[in-house]
Amino acid sequence: MRALVQRVSEASVSTDRELARIGPGLLVLLGVARGDTPEQADRLAAKVLKLRVFDDRSVQDARGDVLCVSQFTLYGDTRKGNRPSYTEAAPGPEAEPLYERVCEALGAERGAFGEYMRVALVNDGPVTLLIEA
């Protein structure tokens, strides 16, 4: 499981309509790999909540928001050729429950799993971290 975490001053996600919008907090782009477990989801969520990226405080301490968007392309493999391979990414029926589990643990606003989405953000800092569980 991978999370690309960005500290933001604001972020939103939309399809044909806006799904969620947050103010200062964290945007979490979440990728789930084949074979990932609920325990990994719990560890990753706990790590995100404890990241001290707000003047040495966590998002909870800073009373920030969290927006979580599914992002299977975090498992895109470009080692061979120019077309990414997504064979490491978990299929939807395996990934969606783990995505939902992480969102619940984070208390996050969320995008629409498996949908084409537009994500807008203002990266604050910029601060961007890759977390793996």
Protein backbone atom coordinates (compact mmCIF):
# COMPACT_ATOMS: atom_id res chain seq x y z
CA MET A 1 0.00 0.00 0.00
CA ARG A 2 1.28 3.43 -0.94
CA ALA A 3 0.13 6.89 0.00
CA LEU A 4 1.38 10.05 -1.62
CA VAL A 5 0.63 12.65 1.05
CA GLN A 6 0.62 16.36 0.34
CA ARG A 7 0.16 19.14 2.85
CA VAL A 8 -2.36 21.49 1.28
CA SER A 9 -3.92 24.83 2.01
CA GLU A 10 -6.95 23.56 0.06
CA ALA A 11 -7.91 20.64 -2.18
CA SER A 12 -10.94 19.30 -3.97
CA VAL A 13 -12.00 16.30 -6.05
CA SER A 14 -14.73 16.18 -8.66
CA THR A 15 -16.26 14.00 -11.36
CA ASP A 16 -19.07 15.73 -13.24
CA ARG A 17 -19.76 17.43 -9.91
CA GLU A 18 -17.67 18.34 -6.88
CA LEU A 19 -17.43 15.38 -4.50
CA ALA A 20 -15.38 16.90 -1.69
CA ARG A 21 -13.44 20.01 -0.75
CA ILE A 22 -11.12 20.62 2.20
CA GLY A 23 -9.27 23.55 3.67
CA PRO A 24 -5.84 23.28 5.26
CA GLY A 25 -4.83 19.67 5.83
CA LEU A 26 -3.64 16.63 3.91
CA LEU A 27 -4.44 15.29 0.47
CA VAL A 28 -3.79 11.53 0.43
CA LEU A 29 -3.50 9.77 -2.92
CA LEU A 30 -3.85 6.07 -2.03
CA GLY A 31 -2.70 3.07 -4.06
CA VAL A 32 -3.48 -0.51 -3.04
CA ALA A 33 -1.31 -3.41 -4.22
CA ARG A 34 -2.32 -7.01 -4.79
CA GLY A 35 -2.20 -8.86 -1.49
CA ASP A 36 -2.38 -5.81 0.77
CA THR A 37 -4.07 -6.49 4.11
CA PRO A 38 -6.37 -4.68 6.53
CA GLU A 39 -3.45 -4.53 8.99
CA GLN A 40 -1.36 -2.66 6.42
CA ALA A 41 -4.26 -0.26 5.85
CA ASP A 42 -4.50 0.40 9.58
CA ARG A 43 -0.73 0.99 9.91
CA LEU A 44 -0.67 3.35 6.95
CA ALA A 45 -3.62 5.37 8.24
CA ALA A 46 -2.06 5.62 11.71
CA LYS A 47 1.21 6.82 10.18
CA VAL A 48 -0.56 9.50 8.12
CA LEU A 49 -2.44 10.76 11.17
CA LYS A 50 0.80 11.03 13.16
CA LEU A 51 2.90 12.79 10.50
CA ARG A 52 4.28 15.94 12.06
CA VAL A 53 4.18 18.26 9.06
CA PHE A 54 2.27 21.20 10.56
CA ASP A 55 4.91 23.13 12.51
CA ASP A 56 5.89 19.85 14.21
CA ARG A 57 2.24 18.91 14.81
CA SER A 58 0.06 16.23 13.26
CA VAL A 59 -2.99 16.94 11.11
CA GLN A 60 -5.15 16.08 14.13
CA ASP A 61 -3.20 18.44 16.41
CA ALA A 62 -3.48 21.18 13.79
CA ARG A 63 -7.22 20.43 13.39
CA GLY A 64 -6.68 19.99 9.66
CA ASP A 65 -8.85 18.22 7.14
CA VAL A 66 -8.02 15.07 5.16
CA LEU A 67 -9.06 14.26 1.61
CA CYS A 68 -8.33 10.72 0.35
CA VAL A 69 -8.45 9.80 -3.35
CA SER A 70 -7.90 6.32 -4.77
CA GLN A 71 -4.88 6.28 -7.09
CA PHE A 72 -4.02 2.88 -8.60
CA THR A 73 -1.45 4.59 -10.84
CA LEU A 74 0.88 4.81 -7.82
CA TYR A 75 1.65 1.19 -8.78
CA GLY A 76 2.47 2.02 -12.39
CA ASP A 77 5.71 0.28 -13.40
CA THR A 78 7.72 2.05 -16.11
CA ARG A 79 10.93 0.01 -15.88
CA LYS A 80 10.25 -1.58 -19.28
CA GLY A 81 9.18 0.58 -22.16
CA ASN A 82 7.12 3.74 -22.05
CA ARG A 83 3.68 2.32 -21.29
CA PRO A 84 3.10 1.87 -17.55
CA SER A 85 2.12 -1.59 -16.36
CA TYR A 86 -0.37 -1.77 -13.51
CA THR A 87 -0.09 -5.48 -12.73
CA GLU A 88 0.99 -4.74 -9.14
CA ALA A 89 -2.17 -2.71 -8.44
CA ALA A 90 -4.97 -4.58 -6.71
CA PRO A 91 -8.14 -5.10 -8.75
CA GLY A 92 -11.15 -3.00 -7.69
CA PRO A 93 -12.95 -5.65 -5.61
CA GLU A 94 -9.78 -6.20 -3.57
CA ALA A 95 -8.72 -2.54 -3.36
CA GLU A 96 -12.01 -0.78 -2.60
CA PRO A 97 -12.60 -2.22 0.89
CA LEU A 98 -9.03 -1.30 1.89
CA TYR A 99 -9.42 2.19 0.45
CA GLU A 100 -12.66 2.62 2.41
CA ARG A 101 -10.95 1.29 5.55
CA VAL A 102 -8.17 3.87 5.26
CA CYS A 103 -10.68 6.68 4.60
CA GLU A 104 -12.66 5.71 7.70
CA ALA A 105 -9.53 5.54 9.86
CA LEU A 106 -8.46 8.97 8.62
CA GLY A 107 -11.90 10.50 9.02
CA ALA A 108 -11.36 11.65 5.44
CA GLU A 109 -13.48 13.25 2.81
CA ARG A 110 -13.15 11.12 -0.31
CA GLY A 111 -13.33 10.81 -4.03
CA ALA A 112 -15.33 8.21 -5.99
CA PHE A 113 -13.50 4.89 -6.12
CA GLY A 114 -12.85 3.68 -9.67
CA GLU A 115 -14.16 6.85 -11.33
CA TYR A 116 -12.40 9.34 -13.54
CA MET A 117 -11.75 12.30 -11.24
CA ARG A 118 -10.21 15.73 -11.31
CA VAL A 119 -8.15 16.66 -8.27
CA ALA A 120 -7.26 20.28 -7.56
CA LEU A 121 -4.89 21.32 -4.82
CA VAL A 122 -2.70 24.06 -3.50
CA ASN A 123 0.37 22.32 -2.10
CA ASP A 124 1.51 24.09 1.06
CA GLY A 125 5.27 24.31 1.44
CA PRO A 126 5.43 22.33 -0.80
CA VAL A 127 5.36 19.23 1.36
CA THR A 128 4.95 15.86 -0.38
CA LEU A 129 5.77 12.49 1.20
CA LEU A 130 5.55 8.92 -0.07
CA ILE A 131 4.53 6.42 2.62
CA GLU A 132 4.51 2.65 2.14
CA ALA A 133 3.06 -0.02 4.38
